[in-house]
């Protein structure tokens, strides 16, 4: 058997590249996060002052802010989970 040297390419490093879909999702999550913070910072104190004497309004306001927060957490979770697929 003849001794034929084999040509083997040098190992190439794996460089992860972000997909455009992931970049769009991150951009949307950042935008929604900024908008949520702006809404809470702008209208939160006034809504709290209005609802101090009304327990139902205060409960509704708390539920509104909790819903905004958990929706935001869910969006970030789905976005970052999609990154590792």
N, C-alpha and C. Protein backbone atom coordinates (compact mmCIF):
# COMPACT_ATOMS: atom_id res chain seq x y z
N UNK A 1 0.82 -1.17 0.00
CA UNK A 1 0.00 0.00 0.00
C UNK A 1 0.87 1.24 0.00
N UNK A 2 0.55 2.12 -0.89
CA UNK A 2 1.35 3.34 -0.93
C UNK A 2 1.02 4.24 0.26
N UNK A 3 2.01 4.95 0.69
CA UNK A 3 1.84 5.89 1.81
C UNK A 3 1.46 7.26 1.24
N UNK A 4 0.15 7.55 1.24
CA UNK A 4 -0.34 8.82 0.70
C UNK A 4 -0.70 9.73 1.87
N UNK A 5 -0.03 10.87 1.94
CA UNK A 5 -0.37 11.79 3.04
C UNK A 5 -1.76 12.40 2.80
N UNK A 6 -2.51 12.49 3.86
CA UNK A 6 -3.85 13.04 3.77
C UNK A 6 -3.82 14.54 4.09
N UNK A 7 -4.63 15.24 3.37
CA UNK A 7 -4.74 16.67 3.63
C UNK A 7 -5.90 16.88 4.60
N UNK A 8 -5.57 17.38 5.75
CA UNK A 8 -6.58 17.61 6.78
C UNK A 8 -6.58 19.11 7.08
N UNK A 9 -7.76 19.68 7.02
CA UNK A 9 -7.84 21.11 7.30
C UNK A 9 -7.68 21.35 8.80
N UNK A 10 -7.18 22.51 9.11
CA UNK A 10 -7.01 22.88 10.51
C UNK A 10 -8.38 23.07 11.14
N UNK A 11 -8.53 22.73 12.40
CA UNK A 11 -9.83 22.91 13.05
C UNK A 11 -10.22 24.39 13.09
N UNK A 12 -11.47 24.63 12.82
CA UNK A 12 -11.98 25.99 12.79
C UNK A 12 -12.77 26.22 14.07
N UNK A 13 -12.56 27.39 14.67
CA UNK A 13 -13.31 27.70 15.88
C UNK A 13 -14.77 27.95 15.53
N UNK A 14 -15.63 27.52 16.43
CA UNK A 14 -17.06 27.77 16.26
C UNK A 14 -17.37 29.16 16.79
N UNK A 15 -17.87 29.99 15.92
CA UNK A 15 -18.24 31.34 16.32
C UNK A 15 -19.75 31.46 16.18
N UNK A 16 -20.46 31.56 17.30
CA UNK A 16 -21.91 31.64 17.20
C UNK A 16 -22.33 32.98 16.58
N UNK A 17 -23.28 32.90 15.69
CA UNK A 17 -23.78 34.09 15.02
C UNK A 17 -25.24 34.26 15.40
N UNK A 18 -25.59 35.46 15.83
CA UNK A 18 -26.97 35.71 16.20
C UNK A 18 -27.84 35.80 14.95
N UNK A 19 -28.98 35.16 15.02
CA UNK A 19 -29.88 35.22 13.88
C UNK A 19 -30.61 36.56 13.89
N UNK A 20 -31.13 36.93 12.75
CA UNK A 20 -31.87 38.19 12.67
C UNK A 20 -33.18 38.09 13.45
N UNK A 21 -33.74 36.90 13.51
CA UNK A 21 -34.98 36.71 14.28
C UNK A 21 -34.72 36.96 15.76
N UNK A 22 -33.63 36.43 16.27
CA UNK A 22 -33.28 36.66 17.67
C UNK A 22 -33.00 38.13 17.94
N UNK A 23 -32.30 38.78 17.03
CA UNK A 23 -32.00 40.21 17.20
C UNK A 23 -33.29 41.03 17.21
N UNK A 24 -34.24 40.68 16.34
CA UNK A 24 -35.53 41.38 16.34
C UNK A 24 -36.26 41.18 17.64
N UNK A 25 -36.27 39.94 18.15
CA UNK A 25 -36.96 39.67 19.41
C UNK A 25 -36.34 40.43 20.57
N UNK A 26 -35.03 40.49 20.61
CA UNK A 26 -34.36 41.25 21.67
C UNK A 26 -34.70 42.73 21.54
N UNK A 27 -34.71 43.25 20.33
CA UNK A 27 -35.06 44.65 20.13
C UNK A 27 -36.48 44.94 20.59
N UNK A 28 -37.41 44.05 20.27
CA UNK A 28 -38.80 44.24 20.71
C UNK A 28 -38.89 44.15 22.22
N UNK A 29 -38.19 43.22 22.84
CA UNK A 29 -38.21 43.10 24.30
C UNK A 29 -37.64 44.34 24.97
N UNK A 30 -36.56 44.87 24.42
CA UNK A 30 -35.98 46.09 24.98
C UNK A 30 -36.97 47.24 24.83
N UNK A 31 -37.61 47.35 23.67
CA UNK A 31 -38.59 48.42 23.46
C UNK A 31 -39.76 48.31 24.42
N UNK A 32 -40.29 47.11 24.59
CA UNK A 32 -41.41 46.90 25.51
C UNK A 32 -40.97 47.17 26.95
N UNK A 33 -39.76 46.79 27.30
CA UNK A 33 -39.25 47.06 28.65
C UNK A 33 -39.17 48.56 28.92
N UNK A 34 -38.63 49.29 27.96
CA UNK A 34 -38.52 50.74 28.11
C UNK A 34 -39.89 51.39 28.20
N UNK A 35 -40.83 50.94 27.36
CA UNK A 35 -42.18 51.50 27.42
C UNK A 35 -42.87 51.19 28.75
N UNK A 36 -42.71 49.96 29.25
CA UNK A 36 -43.31 49.62 30.54
C UNK A 36 -42.74 50.47 31.67
N UNK A 37 -41.44 50.65 31.68
CA UNK A 37 -40.81 51.47 32.72
C UNK A 37 -41.28 52.91 32.60
N UNK A 38 -41.41 53.41 31.37
CA UNK A 38 -41.87 54.79 31.18
C UNK A 38 -43.31 54.96 31.65
N UNK A 39 -44.17 53.99 31.37
CA UNK A 39 -45.56 54.06 31.80
C UNK A 39 -45.65 54.02 33.32
N UNK A 40 -44.91 53.12 33.93
CA UNK A 40 -44.96 53.01 35.40
C UNK A 40 -44.39 54.26 36.05
N UNK A 41 -43.29 54.77 35.53
CA UNK A 41 -42.68 55.97 36.11
C UNK A 41 -43.56 57.20 35.91
N UNK A 42 -44.25 57.28 34.77
CA UNK A 42 -45.05 58.46 34.47
C UNK A 42 -46.40 58.43 35.18
N UNK A 43 -47.11 57.32 35.07
CA UNK A 43 -48.48 57.27 35.56
C UNK A 43 -48.64 56.54 36.89
N UNK A 44 -47.64 55.78 37.32
CA UNK A 44 -47.74 55.01 38.56
C UNK A 44 -48.04 55.85 39.79
N UNK A 45 -47.25 56.89 40.06
CA UNK A 45 -47.52 57.69 41.27
C UNK A 45 -48.89 58.36 41.25
N UNK A 46 -49.30 58.88 40.10
CA UNK A 46 -50.62 59.54 40.02
C UNK A 46 -51.74 58.53 40.22
N UNK A 47 -51.61 57.36 39.62
CA UNK A 47 -52.64 56.33 39.79
C UNK A 47 -52.69 55.85 41.24
N UNK A 48 -51.54 55.76 41.87
CA UNK A 48 -51.51 55.35 43.27
C UNK A 48 -52.19 56.39 44.16
N UNK A 49 -51.90 57.66 43.91
CA UNK A 49 -52.52 58.73 44.70
C UNK A 49 -54.04 58.74 44.53
N UNK A 50 -54.51 58.49 43.34
CA UNK A 50 -55.95 58.47 43.09
C UNK A 50 -56.61 57.28 43.76
N UNK A 51 -55.93 56.15 43.81
CA UNK A 51 -56.56 54.93 44.31
C UNK A 51 -56.29 54.65 45.78
N UNK A 52 -55.71 55.57 46.51
CA UNK A 52 -55.40 55.32 47.92
C UNK A 52 -56.67 55.01 48.72
N UNK A 53 -57.73 55.76 48.52
CA UNK A 53 -58.94 55.55 49.31
C UNK A 53 -59.85 54.46 48.78
N UNK A 54 -59.52 53.88 47.64
CA UNK A 54 -60.38 52.88 47.01
C UNK A 54 -59.64 51.56 46.92
N UNK A 55 -60.06 50.62 47.73
CA UNK A 55 -59.33 49.35 47.79
C UNK A 55 -59.45 48.57 46.49
N UNK A 56 -60.60 48.62 45.83
CA UNK A 56 -60.75 47.90 44.56
C UNK A 56 -59.85 48.50 43.48
N UNK A 57 -59.77 49.81 43.44
CA UNK A 57 -58.90 50.46 42.47
C UNK A 57 -57.44 50.11 42.74
N UNK A 58 -57.07 50.09 44.01
CA UNK A 58 -55.70 49.76 44.37
C UNK A 58 -55.37 48.31 44.00
N UNK A 59 -56.32 47.41 44.24
CA UNK A 59 -56.11 46.01 43.84
C UNK A 59 -56.01 45.89 42.32
N UNK A 60 -56.85 46.62 41.61
CA UNK A 60 -56.79 46.60 40.15
C UNK A 60 -55.48 47.16 39.63
N UNK A 61 -55.01 48.22 40.26
CA UNK A 61 -53.73 48.81 39.86
C UNK A 61 -52.58 47.84 40.13
N UNK A 62 -52.62 47.18 41.26
CA UNK A 62 -51.59 46.19 41.57
C UNK A 62 -51.63 45.03 40.57
N UNK A 63 -52.83 44.60 40.20
CA UNK A 63 -52.94 43.53 39.21
C UNK A 63 -52.45 43.99 37.84
N UNK A 64 -52.71 45.24 37.49
CA UNK A 64 -52.23 45.78 36.23
C UNK A 64 -50.71 45.78 36.17
N UNK A 65 -50.07 46.27 37.21
CA UNK A 65 -48.61 46.31 37.24
C UNK A 65 -48.01 44.92 37.30
N UNK A 66 -48.65 44.01 38.05
CA UNK A 66 -48.15 42.64 38.11
C UNK A 66 -48.28 41.96 36.75
N UNK A 67 -49.37 42.22 36.05
CA UNK A 67 -49.56 41.64 34.72
C UNK A 67 -48.52 42.18 33.75
N UNK A 68 -48.26 43.48 33.82
CA UNK A 68 -47.22 44.06 32.96
C UNK A 68 -45.86 43.42 33.25
N UNK A 69 -45.55 43.24 34.51
CA UNK A 69 -44.26 42.66 34.89
C UNK A 69 -44.14 41.21 34.42
N UNK A 70 -45.16 40.40 34.68
CA UNK A 70 -45.07 38.99 34.31
C UNK A 70 -45.11 38.79 32.79
N UNK A 71 -45.81 39.66 32.07
CA UNK A 71 -45.78 39.60 30.62
C UNK A 71 -44.40 39.92 30.10
N UNK A 72 -43.76 40.89 30.71
CA UNK A 72 -42.41 41.25 30.32
C UNK A 72 -41.42 40.12 30.62
N UNK A 73 -41.54 39.51 31.79
CA UNK A 73 -40.67 38.38 32.13
C UNK A 73 -40.89 37.23 31.16
N UNK A 74 -42.12 36.97 30.81
CA UNK A 74 -42.43 35.89 29.88
C UNK A 74 -41.82 36.17 28.50
N UNK A 75 -41.94 37.40 28.04
CA UNK A 75 -41.37 37.76 26.73
C UNK A 75 -39.86 37.58 26.73
N UNK A 76 -39.19 38.03 27.78
CA UNK A 76 -37.73 37.86 27.86
C UNK A 76 -37.36 36.38 27.95
N UNK A 77 -38.12 35.62 28.73
CA UNK A 77 -37.84 34.19 28.87
C UNK A 77 -37.96 33.49 27.52
N UNK A 78 -39.03 33.78 26.78
CA UNK A 78 -39.21 33.15 25.47
C UNK A 78 -38.11 33.57 24.49
N UNK A 79 -37.72 34.82 24.56
CA UNK A 79 -36.67 35.31 23.66
C UNK A 79 -35.35 34.63 23.96
N UNK A 80 -34.97 34.60 25.22
CA UNK A 80 -33.67 34.02 25.57
C UNK A 80 -33.67 32.51 25.43
N UNK A 81 -34.81 31.87 25.64
CA UNK A 81 -34.89 30.43 25.45
C UNK A 81 -34.72 30.09 23.96
N UNK A 82 -35.25 30.92 23.08
CA UNK A 82 -35.09 30.70 21.65
C UNK A 82 -33.66 30.85 21.18
N UNK A 83 -32.85 31.55 21.94
CA UNK A 83 -31.44 31.76 21.59
C UNK A 83 -30.66 30.46 21.65
N UNK A 84 -31.03 29.58 22.57
CA UNK A 84 -30.24 28.36 22.78
C UNK A 84 -30.80 27.15 22.05
N UNK A 85 -31.72 27.37 21.13
CA UNK A 85 -32.25 26.24 20.37
C UNK A 85 -31.35 25.90 19.23
